[in-house]
């Protein structure tokens, strides 16, 4: 028996929105409380795209300093590995 993550397949085949902010807003339709995307290009000021809630109960919107809980700690290790590989021009 296989588990098919239909919501991910749907997100994969749908056309992408025109902007990163539109994509963040569309991603919130998949059940996330909030989301932050940081685009950090060399020599430029980082740009943050946010959507959803920092605190849903108090209707506080997410911002670039919002902290979210993550489901698995492995994401942190993957992010560090990707950052190190990118910094050493190996990725």
Protein backbone atom coordinates (compact mmCIF):
# COMPACT_ATOMS: atom_id res chain seq x y z
CA UNK A 1 0.00 0.00 0.00
CA UNK A 2 1.29 3.43 -0.91
CA UNK A 3 0.46 6.83 0.52
CA UNK A 4 -0.04 9.38 -2.23
CA UNK A 5 0.23 13.00 -1.04
CA UNK A 6 -2.43 14.31 -3.45
CA UNK A 7 -2.16 17.87 -2.17
CA UNK A 8 1.54 17.94 -3.09
CA UNK A 9 0.86 16.45 -6.51
CA UNK A 10 -1.81 19.08 -7.12
CA UNK A 11 0.57 21.85 -6.02
CA UNK A 12 3.27 20.40 -8.29
CA UNK A 13 1.19 20.40 -11.48
CA UNK A 14 -0.63 23.71 -11.06
CA UNK A 15 0.93 26.72 -12.77
CA UNK A 16 3.01 28.94 -10.49
CA UNK A 17 1.67 32.34 -9.50
CA UNK A 18 3.29 35.43 -11.03
CA UNK A 19 5.10 36.61 -7.89
CA UNK A 20 6.71 35.04 -4.82
CA UNK A 21 4.17 36.82 -2.61
CA UNK A 22 1.31 35.34 -4.64
CA UNK A 23 2.88 31.90 -4.27
CA UNK A 24 3.14 32.33 -0.48
CA UNK A 25 -0.53 33.32 -0.31
CA UNK A 26 -1.53 30.37 -2.51
CA UNK A 27 0.51 27.98 -0.34
CA UNK A 28 -1.49 29.07 2.71
CA UNK A 29 -4.53 27.45 1.07
CA UNK A 30 -2.84 24.10 1.80
CA UNK A 31 -3.38 24.44 5.55
CA UNK A 32 -0.31 26.28 6.81
CA UNK A 33 -0.82 28.77 9.64
CA UNK A 34 1.84 31.08 8.27
CA UNK A 35 4.84 31.17 6.00
CA UNK A 36 8.01 33.18 5.49
CA UNK A 37 10.17 33.07 2.38
CA UNK A 38 13.53 34.86 2.37
CA UNK A 39 15.27 35.64 -0.92
CA UNK A 40 18.88 36.53 -0.19
CA UNK A 41 20.94 37.34 -3.27
CA UNK A 42 24.61 38.24 -3.03
CA UNK A 43 25.14 41.99 -2.83
CA UNK A 44 21.46 42.78 -2.32
CA UNK A 45 19.31 43.38 0.73
CA UNK A 46 17.33 40.22 1.63
CA UNK A 47 13.65 40.33 0.67
CA UNK A 48 11.06 38.68 2.93
CA UNK A 49 7.67 37.47 1.75
CA UNK A 50 5.20 36.60 4.50
CA UNK A 51 1.67 35.36 4.76
CA UNK A 52 -0.69 33.93 7.30
CA UNK A 53 -0.56 34.35 11.04
CA UNK A 54 2.06 34.73 13.73
CA UNK A 55 -0.79 34.05 16.16
CA UNK A 56 -4.11 32.96 14.68
CA UNK A 57 -6.03 33.51 17.95
CA UNK A 58 -5.04 37.17 18.28
CA UNK A 59 -5.06 37.71 14.48
CA UNK A 60 -1.42 38.84 14.58
CA UNK A 61 -0.04 38.60 11.03
CA UNK A 62 3.25 36.84 10.30
CA UNK A 63 6.30 39.00 9.69
CA UNK A 64 9.97 38.34 8.93
CA UNK A 65 10.76 37.84 12.63
CA UNK A 66 7.98 35.31 13.30
CA UNK A 67 9.13 31.96 14.65
CA UNK A 68 7.26 28.81 13.64
CA UNK A 69 7.52 25.33 15.10
CA UNK A 70 8.79 22.73 12.66
CA UNK A 71 7.62 19.15 12.57
CA UNK A 72 10.98 17.45 12.07
CA UNK A 73 14.43 18.46 13.19
CA UNK A 74 15.97 17.03 10.01
CA UNK A 75 14.89 20.15 8.11
CA UNK A 76 17.36 22.17 10.15
CA UNK A 77 20.23 19.83 9.27
CA UNK A 78 19.29 19.83 5.58
CA UNK A 79 19.18 23.65 5.56
CA UNK A 80 22.62 23.88 7.20
CA UNK A 81 24.07 21.35 4.76
CA UNK A 82 22.65 23.21 1.76
CA UNK A 83 23.97 26.51 3.10
CA UNK A 84 27.46 25.08 3.63
CA UNK A 85 27.54 23.46 0.18
CA UNK A 86 26.36 26.69 -1.45
CA UNK A 87 28.92 28.75 0.46
CA UNK A 88 31.71 26.45 -0.74
CA UNK A 89 30.43 26.65 -4.36
CA UNK A 90 29.73 22.92 -4.40
CA UNK A 91 26.01 23.32 -4.98
